[in-house]
Amino acid sequence: SASTVLTDRVAALSDQTTNLTSETRAKDTNAMARLKNRTIAGRDLPLSPLVNPTTGAAIPRFPATPAALSAQSGQDLMDILTILGENVHPDVSTQEKKRLLRATVGLVDIS
């Protein structure tokens, strides 16, 4: 019936609004984290974690510090970069993935 179609459309619009709100919050969270991370001046100081830009969920194995980032495996780096929307070729070196993740999280290069 027309009422059911209208109810379904309203529900779909509500879902889309919820998704857009989640994405906007995640992008705001990540922007603030990047700004905070730019001020880190030591390898053992805590990173402000970025979140999944689509869902706002915590990113598994996100490094706690710049030193932890430097110690991460190539696969962990690839997983995190992929979640953050970075398109990284699988053949890229682990060192290059670390450099890219440092830039993506807002770190000034302190390896």
PDB file of N, CA and C in Angstrom:
ATOM      1  N   SER A   1       0.835  -1.183   0.000  1.00  0.00           N
ATOM      2  CA  SER A   1       0.000   0.000   0.000  1.00  0.00           C
ATOM      3  C   SER A   1       0.879   1.245   0.000  1.00  0.00           C
ATOM      4  N   ALA A   2       0.252   2.374  -0.280  1.00  0.00           N
ATOM      5  CA  ALA A   2       0.984   3.642  -0.320  1.00  0.00           C
ATOM      6  C   ALA A   2       1.556   3.984   1.044  1.00  0.00           C
ATOM      7  N   SER A   3       0.832   3.641   2.081  1.00  0.00           N
ATOM      8  CA  SER A   3       1.303   3.924   3.448  1.00  0.00           C
ATOM      9  C   SER A   3       2.564   3.135   3.770  1.00  0.00           C
ATOM     10  N   THR A   4       2.626   1.894   3.354  1.00  0.00           N
ATOM     11  CA  THR A   4       3.793   1.044   3.595  1.00  0.00           C
ATOM     12  C   THR A   4       5.001   1.559   2.819  1.00  0.00           C
ATOM     13  N   VAL A   5       4.791   1.973   1.579  1.00  0.00           N
ATOM     14  CA  VAL A   5       5.868   2.513   0.749  1.00  0.00           C
ATOM     15  C   VAL A   5       6.420   3.777   1.393  1.00  0.00           C
ATOM     16  N   LEU A   6       5.517   4.644   1.851  1.00  0.00           N
ATOM     17  CA  LEU A   6       5.940   5.882   2.490  1.00  0.00           C
ATOM     18  C   LEU A   6       6.713   5.597   3.782  1.00  0.00           C
ATOM     19  N   THR A   7       6.245   4.668   4.567  1.00  0.00           N
ATOM     20  CA  THR A   7       6.925   4.284   5.808  1.00  0.00           C
ATOM     21  C   THR A   7       8.311   3.731   5.513  1.00  0.00           C
ATOM     22  N   ASP A   8       8.418   2.911   4.480  1.00  0.00           N
ATOM     23  CA  ASP A   8       9.719   2.349   4.092  1.00  0.00           C
ATOM     24  C   ASP A   8      10.678   3.443   3.637  1.00  0.00           C
ATOM     25  N   ARG A   9      10.181   4.414   2.886  1.00  0.00           N
ATOM     26  CA  ARG A   9      11.035   5.513   2.412  1.00  0.00           C
ATOM     27  C   ARG A   9      11.509   6.386   3.569  1.00  0.00           C
ATOM     28  N   VAL A  10      10.618   6.657   4.500  1.00  0.00           N
ATOM     29  CA  VAL A  10      11.002   7.443   5.669  1.00  0.00           C
ATOM     30  C   VAL A  10      12.061   6.692   6.476  1.00  0.00           C
ATOM     31  N   ALA A  11      11.897   5.405   6.646  1.00  0.00           N
ATOM     32  CA  ALA A  11      12.877   4.595   7.376  1.00  0.00           C
ATOM     33  C   ALA A  11      14.231   4.611   6.665  1.00  0.00           C
ATOM     34  N   ALA A  12      14.207   4.513   5.334  1.00  0.00           N
ATOM     35  CA  ALA A  12      15.456   4.539   4.564  1.00  0.00           C
ATOM     36  C   ALA A  12      16.147   5.890   4.705  1.00  0.00           C
ATOM     37  N   LEU A  13      15.387   6.974   4.659  1.00  0.00           N
ATOM     38  CA  LEU A  13      15.970   8.302   4.837  1.00  0.00           C
ATOM     39  C   LEU A  13      16.544   8.473   6.238  1.00  0.00           C
ATOM     40  N   SER A  14      15.865   7.919   7.214  1.00  0.00           N
ATOM     41  CA  SER A  14      16.359   7.975   8.590  1.00  0.00           C
ATOM     42  C   SER A  14      17.684   7.229   8.710  1.00  0.00           C
ATOM     43  N   ASP A  15      17.790   6.071   8.080  1.00  0.00           N
ATOM     44  CA  ASP A  15      19.036   5.302   8.091  1.00  0.00           C
ATOM     45  C   ASP A  15      20.164   6.077   7.409  1.00  0.00           C
ATOM     46  N   GLN A  16      19.849   6.709   6.278  1.00  0.00           N
ATOM     47  CA  GLN A  16      20.866   7.490   5.567  1.00  0.00           C
ATOM     48  C   GLN A  16      21.348   8.666   6.418  1.00  0.00           C
ATOM     49  N   THR A  17      20.419   9.313   7.112  1.00  0.00           N
ATOM     50  CA  THR A  17      20.782  10.430   7.985  1.00  0.00           C
ATOM     51  C   THR A  17      21.674   9.956   9.123  1.00  0.00           C
ATOM     52  N   THR A  18      21.336   8.811   9.703  1.00  0.00           N
ATOM     53  CA  THR A  18      22.151   8.248  10.781  1.00  0.00           C
ATOM     54  C   THR A  18      23.558   7.939  10.279  1.00  0.00           C
ATOM     55  N   ASN A  19      23.665   7.348   9.084  1.00  0.00           N
ATOM     56  CA  ASN A  19      24.973   7.023   8.506  1.00  0.00           C
ATOM     57  C   ASN A  19      25.784   8.283   8.244  1.00  0.00           C
ATOM     58  N   LEU A  20      25.144   9.316   7.703  1.00  0.00           N
ATOM     59  CA  LEU A  20      25.851  10.571   7.432  1.00  0.00           C
ATOM     60  C   LEU A  20      26.319  11.228   8.730  1.00  0.00           C
ATOM     61  N   THR A  21      25.489  11.164   9.755  1.00  0.00           N
ATOM     62  CA  THR A  21      25.865  11.722  11.049  1.00  0.00           C
ATOM     63  C   THR A  21      27.067  10.977  11.617  1.00  0.00           C
ATOM     64  N   SER A  22      27.069   9.648  11.519  1.00  0.00           N
ATOM     65  CA  SER A  22      28.193   8.843  12.011  1.00  0.00           C
ATOM     66  C   SER A  22      29.471   9.192  11.255  1.00  0.00           C
ATOM     67  N   GLU A  23      29.378   9.309   9.941  1.00  0.00           N
ATOM     68  CA  GLU A  23      30.555   9.641   9.131  1.00  0.00           C
ATOM     69  C   GLU A  23      31.076  11.034   9.464  1.00  0.00           C
ATOM     70  N   THR A  24      30.176  11.983   9.662  1.00  0.00           N
ATOM     71  CA  THR A  24      30.588  13.345  10.000  1.00  0.00           C
ATOM     72  C   THR A  24      31.285  13.374  11.350  1.00  0.00           C
ATOM     73  N   ARG A  25      30.729  12.682  12.337  1.00  0.00           N
ATOM     74  CA  ARG A  25      31.369  12.619  13.658  1.00  0.00           C
ATOM     75  C   ARG A  25      32.748  11.974  13.567  1.00  0.00           C
ATOM     76  N   ALA A  26      32.850  10.896  12.788  1.00  0.00           N
ATOM     77  CA  ALA A  26      34.133  10.208  12.634  1.00  0.00           C
ATOM     78  C   ALA A  26      35.159  11.130  11.973  1.00  0.00           C
ATOM     79  N   LYS A  27      34.746  11.860  10.957  1.00  0.00           N
ATOM     80  CA  LYS A  27      35.672  12.773  10.280  1.00  0.00           C
ATOM     81  C   LYS A  27      36.111  13.890  11.220  1.00  0.00           C
ATOM     82  N   ASP A  28      35.180  14.398  12.031  1.00  0.00           N
ATOM     83  CA  ASP A  28      35.531  15.426  13.018  1.00  0.00           C
ATOM     84  C   ASP A  28      36.505  14.867  14.058  1.00  0.00           C
ATOM     85  N   THR A  29      36.229  13.651  14.538  1.00  0.00           N
ATOM     86  CA  THR A  29      37.115  13.001  15.517  1.00  0.00           C
ATOM     87  C   THR A  29      38.510  12.845  14.936  1.00  0.00           C
ATOM     88  N   ASN A  30      38.591  12.397  13.686  1.00  0.00           N
ATOM     89  CA  ASN A  30      39.895  12.185  13.053  1.00  0.00           C
ATOM     90  C   ASN A  30      40.623  13.503  12.807  1.00  0.00           C
ATOM     91  N   ALA A  31      39.891  14.532  12.441  1.00  0.00           N
ATOM     92  CA  ALA A  31      40.529  15.836  12.224  1.00  0.00           C
ATOM     93  C   ALA A  31      41.126  16.358  13.531  1.00  0.00           C
ATOM     94  N   MET A  32      40.387  16.229  14.621  1.00  0.00           N
ATOM     95  CA  MET A  32      40.897  16.681  15.919  1.00  0.00           C
ATOM     96  C   MET A  32      42.093  15.829  16.363  1.00  0.00           C
ATOM     97  N   ALA A  33      42.018  14.522  16.147  1.00  0.00           N
ATOM     98  CA  ALA A  33      43.138  13.640  16.515  1.00  0.00           C
ATOM     99  C   ALA A  33      44.386  14.017  15.726  1.00  0.00           C
ATOM    100  N   ARG A  34      44.236  14.291  14.441  1.00  0.00           N
ATOM    101  CA  ARG A  34      45.394  14.674  13.618  1.00  0.00           C
ATOM    102  C   ARG A  34      46.017  15.970  14.122  1.00  0.00           C
ATOM    103  N   LEU A  35      45.172  16.933  14.492  1.00  0.00           N
ATOM    104  CA  LEU A  35      45.696  18.196  15.024  1.00  0.00           C
ATOM    105  C   LEU A  35      46.472  17.961  16.322  1.00  0.00           C
ATOM    106  N   LYS A  36      45.919  17.135  17.201  1.00  0.00           N
ATOM    107  CA  LYS A  36      46.607  16.828  18.463  1.00  0.00           C
ATOM    108  C   LYS A  36      47.912  16.083  18.192  1.00  0.00           C
ATOM    109  N   ASN A  37      47.885  15.149  17.260  1.00  0.00           N
ATOM    110  CA  ASN A  37      49.079  14.353  16.961  1.00  0.00           C
ATOM    111  C   ASN A  37      50.202  15.203  16.370  1.00  0.00           C
ATOM    112  N   ARG A  38      49.862  16.299  15.729  1.00  0.00           N
ATOM    113  CA  ARG A  38      50.897  17.186  15.166  1.00  0.00           C
ATOM    114  C   ARG A  38      51.781  17.790  16.258  1.00  0.00           C
ATOM    115  N   THR A  39      51.267  17.847  17.487  1.00  0.00           N
ATOM    116  CA  THR A  39      52.017  18.491  18.571  1.00  0.00           C
ATOM    117  C   THR A  39      52.891  17.506  19.348  1.00  0.00           C
ATOM    118  N   ILE A  40      52.818  16.225  19.016  1.00  0.00           N
ATOM    119  CA  ILE A  40      53.605  15.220  19.740  1.00  0.00           C
ATOM    120  C   ILE A  40      55.077  15.396  19.420  1.00  0.00           C
ATOM    121  N   ALA A  41      55.885  15.492  20.477  1.00  0.00           N
ATOM    122  CA  ALA A  41      57.318  15.750  20.292  1.00  0.00           C
ATOM    123  C   ALA A  41      58.185  14.617  20.822  1.00  0.00           C
ATOM    124  N   GLY A  42      57.583  13.492  21.166  1.00  0.00           N
ATOM    125  CA  GLY A  42      58.377  12.375  21.682  1.00  0.00           C
ATOM    126  C   GLY A  42      57.807  11.046  21.249  1.00  0.00           C
ATOM    127  N   ARG A  43      58.681  10.084  21.069  1.00  0.00           N
ATOM    128  CA  ARG A  43      58.282   8.762  20.567  1.00  0.00           C
ATOM    129  C   ARG A  43      57.379   7.998  21.525  1.00  0.00           C
ATOM    130  N   ASP A  44      57.455   8.311  22.834  1.00  0.00           N
ATOM    131  CA  ASP A  44      56.681   7.546  23.809  1.00  0.00           C
ATOM    132  C   ASP A  44      55.452   8.284  24.332  1.00  0.00           C
ATOM    133  N   LEU A  45      55.148   9.425  23.734  1.00  0.00           N
ATOM    134  CA  LEU A  45      53.946  10.157  24.134  1.00  0.00           C
ATOM    135  C   LEU A  45      52.733   9.558  23.430  1.00  0.00           C
ATOM    136  N   PRO A  46      51.573   9.577  24.078  1.00  0.00           N
ATOM    137  CA  PRO A  46      50.401   8.907  23.494  1.00  0.00           C
ATOM    138  C   PRO A  46      49.865   9.604  22.245  1.00  0.00           C
ATOM    139  N   LEU A  47      49.503   8.780  21.268  1.00  0.00           N
ATOM    140  CA  LEU A  47      48.825   9.265  20.073  1.00  0.00           C
ATOM    141  C   LEU A  47      47.333   9.422  20.380  1.00  0.00           C
ATOM    142  N   SER A  48      46.716  10.417  19.771  1.00  0.00           N
ATOM    143  CA  SER A  48      45.252  10.487  19.776  1.00  0.00           C
ATOM    144  C   SER A  48      44.792   9.548  18.669  1.00  0.00           C
ATOM    145  N   PRO A  49      44.007   8.533  19.019  1.00  0.00           N
ATOM    146  CA  PRO A  49      43.643   7.536  18.011  1.00  0.00           C
ATOM    147  C   PRO A  49      42.642   8.055  16.986  1.00  0.00           C
ATOM    148  N   LEU A  50      42.842   7.660  15.747  1.00  0.00           N
ATOM    149  CA  LEU A  50      41.858   7.900  14.712  1.00  0.00           C
ATOM    150  C   LEU A  50      40.836   6.773  14.781  1.00  0.00           C
ATOM    151  N   VAL A  51      39.670   7.012  14.192  1.00  0.00           N
ATOM    152  CA  VAL A  51      38.607   6.012  14.173  1.00  0.00           C
ATOM    153  C   VAL A  51      38.263   5.660  12.730  1.00  0.00           C
ATOM    154  N   ASN A  52      37.518   4.580  12.569  1.00  0.00           N
ATOM    155  CA  ASN A  52      37.059   4.183  11.243  1.00  0.00           C
ATOM    156  C   ASN A  52      36.229   5.333  10.671  1.00  0.00           C
ATOM    157  N   PRO A  53      36.613   5.881   9.516  1.00  0.00           N
ATOM    158  CA  PRO A  53      35.933   7.064   8.991  1.00  0.00           C
ATOM    159  C   PRO A  53      34.493   6.813   8.544  1.00  0.00           C
ATOM    160  N   THR A  54      34.107   5.577   8.375  1.00  0.00           N
ATOM    161  CA  THR A  54      32.748   5.259   7.970  1.00  0.00           C
ATOM    162  C   THR A  54      31.847   4.987   9.168  1.00  0.00           C
ATOM    163  N   THR A  55      32.379   4.221  10.139  1.00  0.00           N
ATOM    164  CA  THR A  55      31.546   3.775  11.253  1.00  0.00           C
ATOM    165  C   THR A  55      31.801   4.516  12.562  1.00  0.00           C
ATOM    166  N   GLY A  56      32.977   5.139  12.680  1.00  0.00           N
ATOM    167  CA  GLY A  56      33.343   5.777  13.933  1.00  0.00           C
ATOM    168  C   GLY A  56      33.895   4.807  14.964  1.00  0.00           C
ATOM    169  N   ALA A  57      34.015   3.532  14.588  1.00  0.00           N
ATOM    170  CA  ALA A  57      34.514   2.511  15.522  1.00  0.00           C
ATOM    171  C   ALA A  57      36.029   2.634  15.700  1.00  0.00           C
ATOM    172  N   ALA A  58      36.500   2.168  16.851  1.00  0.00           N
ATOM    173  CA  ALA A  58      37.938   2.119  17.104  1.00  0.00           C
ATOM    174  C   ALA A  58      38.604   1.239  16.045  1.00  0.00           C
ATOM    175  N   ILE A  59      39.830   1.585  15.693  1.00  0.00           N
ATOM    176  CA  ILE A  59      40.580   0.822  14.693  1.00  0.00           C
ATOM    177  C   ILE A  59      41.430  -0.216  15.424  1.00  0.00           C
ATOM    178  N   PRO A  60      41.249  -1.499  15.101  1.00  0.00           N
ATOM    179  CA  PRO A  60      42.047  -2.542  15.758  1.00  0.00           C
ATOM    180  C   PRO A  60      43.544  -2.320  15.540  1.00  0.00           C
ATOM    181  N   ARG A  61      44.314  -2.510  16.592  1.00  0.00           N
ATOM    182  CA  ARG A  61      45.778  -2.424  16.584  1.00  0.00           C
ATOM    183  C   ARG A  61      46.290  -1.024  16.235  1.00  0.00           C
ATOM    184  N   PHE A  62      45.456   0.008  16.445  1.00  0.00           N
ATOM    185  CA  PHE A  62      45.938   1.365  16.226  1.00  0.00           C
ATOM    186  C   PHE A  62      47.052   1.623  17.237  1.00  0.00           C
ATOM    187  N   PRO A  63      48.190   2.150  16.795  1.00  0.00           N
ATOM    188  CA  PRO A  63      49.334   2.305  17.702  1.00  0.00           C
ATOM    189  C   PRO A  63      49.060   3.330  18.809  1.00  0.00           C
ATOM    190  N   ALA A  64      49.545   3.016  20.007  1.00  0.00           N
ATOM    191  CA  ALA A  64      49.339   3.894  21.159  1.00  0.00           C
ATOM    192  C   ALA A  64      50.316   5.064  21.168  1.00  0.00           C
ATOM    193  N   THR A  65      51.484   4.864  20.567  1.00  0.00           N
ATOM    194  CA  THR A  65      52.536   5.879  20.575  1.00  0.00           C
ATOM    195  C   THR A  65      53.257   5.861  19.224  1.00  0.00           C
ATOM    196  N   PRO A  66      54.027   6.914  18.917  1.00  0.00           N
ATOM    197  CA  PRO A  66      54.851   6.856  17.706  1.00  0.00           C
ATOM    198  C   PRO A  66      55.830   5.679  17.727  1.00  0.00           C
ATOM    199  N   ALA A  67      56.367   5.351  18.905  1.00  0.00           N
ATOM    200  CA  ALA A  67      57.285   4.212  18.995  1.00  0.00           C
ATOM    201  C   ALA A  67      56.565   2.909  18.645  1.00  0.00           C
ATOM    202  N   ALA A  68      55.326   2.770  19.101  1.00  0.00           N
ATOM    203  CA  ALA A  68      54.547   1.569  18.774  1.00  0.00           C
ATOM    204  C   ALA A  68      54.270   1.500  17.276  1.00  0.00           C
ATOM    205  N   LEU A  69      54.019   2.649  16.659  1.00  0.00           N
ATOM    206  CA  LEU A  69      53.813   2.678  15.211  1.00  0.00           C
ATOM    207  C   LEU A  69      55.067   2.180  14.497  1.00  0.00           C
ATOM    208  N   SER A  70      56.215   2.636  14.949  1.00  0.00           N
ATOM    209  CA  SER A  70      57.484   2.231  14.325  1.00  0.00           C
ATOM    210  C   SER A  70      57.749   0.740  14.450  1.00  0.00           C
ATOM    211  N   ALA A  71      57.159   0.099  15.459  1.00  0.00           N
ATOM    212  CA  ALA A  71      57.384  -1.328  15.692  1.00  0.00           C
ATOM    213  C   ALA A  71      56.340  -2.219  15.025  1.00  0.00           C
ATOM    214  N   GLN A  72      55.332  -1.634  14.385  1.00  0.00           N
ATOM    215  CA  GLN A  72      54.252  -2.447  13.824  1.00  0.00           C
ATOM    216  C   GLN A  72      54.673  -3.208  12.575  1.00  0.00           C
ATOM    217  N   SER A  73      53.981  -4.337  12.378  1.00  0.00           N
ATOM    218  CA  SER A  73      54.248  -5.176  11.210  1.00  0.00           C
ATOM    219  C   SER A  73      53.628  -4.557   9.960  1.00  0.00           C
ATOM    220  N   GLY A  74      54.127  -4.996   8.832  1.00  0.00           N
ATOM    221  CA  GLY A  74      53.603  -4.526   7.557  1.00  0.00           C
ATOM    222  C   GLY A  74      52.122  -4.812   7.405  1.00  0.00           C
ATOM    223  N   GLN A  75      51.656  -5.975   7.880  1.00  0.00           N
ATOM    224  CA  GLN A  75      50.231  -6.325   7.741  1.00  0.00           C
ATOM    225  C   GLN A  75      49.360  -5.437   8.623  1.00  0.00           C
ATOM    226  N   ASP A  76      49.791  -5.182   9.873  1.00  0.00           N
ATOM    227  CA  ASP A  76      49.032  -4.274  10.739  1.00  0.00           C
ATOM    228  C   ASP A  76      48.938  -2.893  10.104  1.00  0.00           C
ATOM    229  N   LEU A  77      50.056  -2.419   9.581  1.00  0.00           N
ATOM    230  CA  LEU A  77      50.075  -1.102   8.936  1.00  0.00           C
ATOM    231  C   LEU A  77      49.114  -1.075   7.749  1.00  0.00           C
ATOM    232  N   MET A  78      49.151  -2.123   6.943  1.00  0.00           N
ATOM    233  CA  MET A  78      48.274  -2.197   5.774  1.00  0.00           C
ATOM    234  C   MET A  78      46.812  -2.211   6.203  1.00  0.00           C
ATOM    235  N   ASP A  79      46.494  -2.985   7.247  1.00  0.00           N
ATOM    236  CA  ASP A  79      45.108  -3.052   7.731  1.00  0.00           C
ATOM    237  C   ASP A  79      44.628  -1.680   8.195  1.00  0.00           C
ATOM    238  N   ILE A  80      45.449  -0.984   8.967  1.00  0.00           N
ATOM    239  CA  ILE A  80      45.069   0.330   9.487  1.00  0.00           C
ATOM    240  C   ILE A  80      44.923   1.338   8.349  1.00  0.00           C
ATOM    241  N   LEU A  81      45.882   1.351   7.444  1.00  0.00           N
ATOM    242  CA  LEU A  81      45.823   2.275   6.305  1.00  0.00           C
ATOM    243  C   LEU A  81      44.580   2.022   5.452  1.00  0.00           C
ATOM    244  N   THR A  82      44.238   0.764   5.255  1.00  0.00           N
ATOM    245  CA  THR A  82      43.057   0.417   4.462  1.00  0.00           C
ATOM    246  C   THR A  82      41.791   0.918   5.146  1.00  0.00           C
ATOM    247  N   ILE A  83      41.679   0.700   6.459  1.00  0.00           N
ATOM    248  CA  ILE A  83      40.514   1.185   7.201  1.00  0.00           C
ATOM    249  C   ILE A  83      40.400   2.701   7.077  1.00  0.00           C
ATOM    250  N   LEU A  84      41.534   3.383   7.094  1.00  0.00           N
ATOM    251  CA  LEU A  84      41.535   4.845   6.996  1.00  0.00           C
ATOM    252  C   LEU A  84      41.329   5.349   5.564  1.00  0.00           C
ATOM    253  N   GLY A  85      41.156   4.429   4.626  1.00  0.00           N
ATOM    254  CA  GLY A  85      40.841   4.819   3.257  1.00  0.00           C
ATOM    255  C   GLY A  85      42.039   5.085   2.368  1.00  0.00           C
ATOM    256  N   GLU A  86      43.229   4.730   2.849  1.00  0.00           N
ATOM    257  CA  GLU A  86      44.434   4.915   2.036  1.00  0.00           C
ATOM    258  C   GLU A  86      44.555   3.740   1.071  1.00  0.00           C
ATOM    259  N   ASN A  87      44.787   4.050  -0.188  1.00  0.00           N
ATOM    260  CA  ASN A  87      44.933   3.018  -1.212  1.00  0.00           C
ATOM    261  C   ASN A  87      46.418   2.719  -1.373  1.00  0.00           C
ATOM    262  N   VAL A  88      46.874   1.659  -0.704  1.00  0.00           N
ATOM    263  CA  VAL A  88      48.295   1.314  -0.682  1.00  0.00           C
ATOM    264  C   VAL A  88      48.511   0.027  -1.459  1.00  0.00           C
ATOM    265  N   HIS A  89      49.429   0.057  -2.390  1.00  0.00           N
ATOM    266  CA  HIS A  89      49.757  -1.152  -3.155  1.00  0.00           C
ATOM    267  C   HIS A  89      50.412  -2.161  -2.210  1.00  0.00           C
ATOM    268  N   PRO A  90      50.048  -3.434  -2.305  1.00  0.00           N
ATOM    269  CA  PRO A  90      50.603  -4.460  -1.402  1.00  0.00           C
ATOM    270  C   PRO A  90      52.123  -4.580  -1.449  1.00  0.00           C
ATOM    271  N   ASP A  91      52.736  -4.180  -2.552  1.00  0.00           N
ATOM    272  CA  ASP A  91      54.191  -4.306  -2.681  1.00  0.00           C
ATOM    273  C   ASP A  91      54.966  -3.161  -2.036  1.00  0.00           C
ATOM    274  N   VAL A  92      54.261  -2.173  -1.496  1.00  0.00           N
ATOM    275  CA  VAL A  92      54.937  -1.045  -0.853  1.00  0.00           C
ATOM    276  C   VAL A  92      55.678  -1.564   0.376  1.00  0.00           C
ATOM    277  N   SER A  93      56.882  -1.068   0.601  1.00  0.00           N
ATOM    278  CA  SER A  93      57.704  -1.539   1.719  1.00  0.00           C
ATOM    279  C   SER A  93      57.067  -1.187   3.065  1.00  0.00           C
ATOM    280  N   THR A  94      57.424  -1.953   4.075  1.00  0.00           N
ATOM    281  CA  THR A  94      56.942  -1.679   5.431  1.00  0.00           C
ATOM    282  C   THR A  94      57.372  -0.282   5.863  1.00  0.00           C
ATOM    283  N   GLN A  95      58.583   0.112   5.527  1.00  0.00           N
ATOM    284  CA  GLN A  95      59.073   1.447   5.894  1.00  0.00           C
ATOM    285  C   GLN A  95      58.209   2.538   5.265  1.00  0.00           C
ATOM    286  N   GLU A  96      57.821   2.349   4.024  1.00  0.00           N
ATOM    287  CA  GLU A  96      56.963   3.327   3.350  1.00  0.00           C
ATOM    288  C   GLU A  96      55.566   3.344   3.979  1.00  0.00           C
ATOM    289  N   LYS A  97      55.054   2.180   4.373  1.00  0.00           N
ATOM    290  CA  LYS A  97      53.751   2.128   5.051  1.00  0.00           C
ATOM    291  C   LYS A  97      53.819   2.886   6.375  1.00  0.00           C
ATOM    292  N   LYS A  98      54.923   2.744   7.095  1.00  0.00           N
ATOM    293  CA  LYS A  98      55.097   3.485   8.353  1.00  0.00           C
ATOM    294  C   LYS A  98      55.107   4.984   8.095  1.00  0.00           C
ATOM    295  N   ARG A  99      55.826   5.415   7.055  1.00  0.00           N
ATOM    296  CA  ARG A  99      55.874   6.830   6.712  1.00  0.00           C
ATOM    297  C   ARG A  99      54.480   7.340   6.368  1.00  0.00           C
ATOM    298  N   LEU A 100      53.737   6.557   5.591  1.00  0.00           N
ATOM    299  CA  LEU A 100      52.396   6.950   5.192  1.00  0.00           C
ATOM    300  C   LEU A 100      51.456   7.011   6.398  1.00  0.00           C
ATOM    301  N   LEU A 101      51.550   6.032   7.298  1.00  0.00           N
ATOM    302  CA  LEU A 101      50.681   6.054   8.471  1.00  0.00           C
ATOM    303  C   LEU A 101      51.023   7.229   9.375  1.00  0.00           C
ATOM    304  N   ARG A 102      52.322   7.518   9.543  1.00  0.00           N
ATOM    305  CA  ARG A 102      52.699   8.696  10.348  1.00  0.00           C
ATOM    306  C   ARG A 102      52.069   9.957   9.756  1.00  0.00           C
ATOM    307  N   ALA A 103      52.130  10.099   8.451  1.00  0.00           N
ATOM    308  CA  ALA A 103      51.531  11.275   7.808  1.00  0.00           C
ATOM    309  C   ALA A 103      50.006  11.263   7.953  1.00  0.00           C
ATOM    310  N   THR A 104      49.397  10.105   7.794  1.00  0.00           N
ATOM    311  CA  THR A 104      47.944   9.981   7.857  1.00  0.00           C
ATOM    312  C   THR A 104      47.404  10.321   9.242  1.00  0.00           C
ATOM    313  N   VAL A 105      48.133   9.969  10.298  1.00  0.00           N
ATOM    314  CA  VAL A 105      47.657  10.259  11.651  1.00  0.00           C
ATOM    315  C   VAL A 105      48.046  11.657  12.113  1.00  0.00           C
ATOM    316  N   GLY A 106      48.809  12.383  11.280  1.00  0.00           N
ATOM    317  CA  GLY A 106      49.130  13.768  11.595  1.00  0.00           C
ATOM    318  C   GLY A 106      50.463  13.989  12.263  1.00  0.00           C
ATOM    319  N   LEU A 107      51.286  12.947  12.354  1.00  0.00           N
ATOM    320  CA  LEU A 107      52.579  13.114  13.017  1.00  0.00           C
ATOM    321  C   LEU A 107      53.543  13.916  12.162  1.00  0.00           C
ATOM    322  N   VAL A 108      54.237  14.816  12.811  1.00  0.00           N
ATOM    323  CA  VAL A 108      55.388  15.433  12.185  1.00  0.00           C
ATOM    324  C   VAL A 108      56.438  14.331  12.220  1.00  0.00           C
ATOM    325  N   ASP A 109      57.234  14.196  11.217  1.00  0.00           N
ATOM    326  CA  ASP A 109      58.086  13.009  11.090  1.00  0.00           C
ATOM    327  C   ASP A 109      59.095  12.868  12.215  1.00  0.00           C
ATOM    328  N   ILE A 110      58.718  12.013  13.204  1.00  0.00           N
ATOM    329  CA  ILE A 110      59.624  11.718  14.306  1.00  0.00           C
ATOM    330  C   ILE A 110      59.948  10.232  14.344  1.00  0.00           C
ATOM    331  N   SER A 111      59.602   9.517  13.262  1.00  0.00           N
ATOM    332  CA  SER A 111      59.780   8.065  13.159  1.00  0.00           C
ATOM    333  C   SER A 111      59.868   7.481  14.501  1.00  0.00           C
TER     334      SER A 111
END
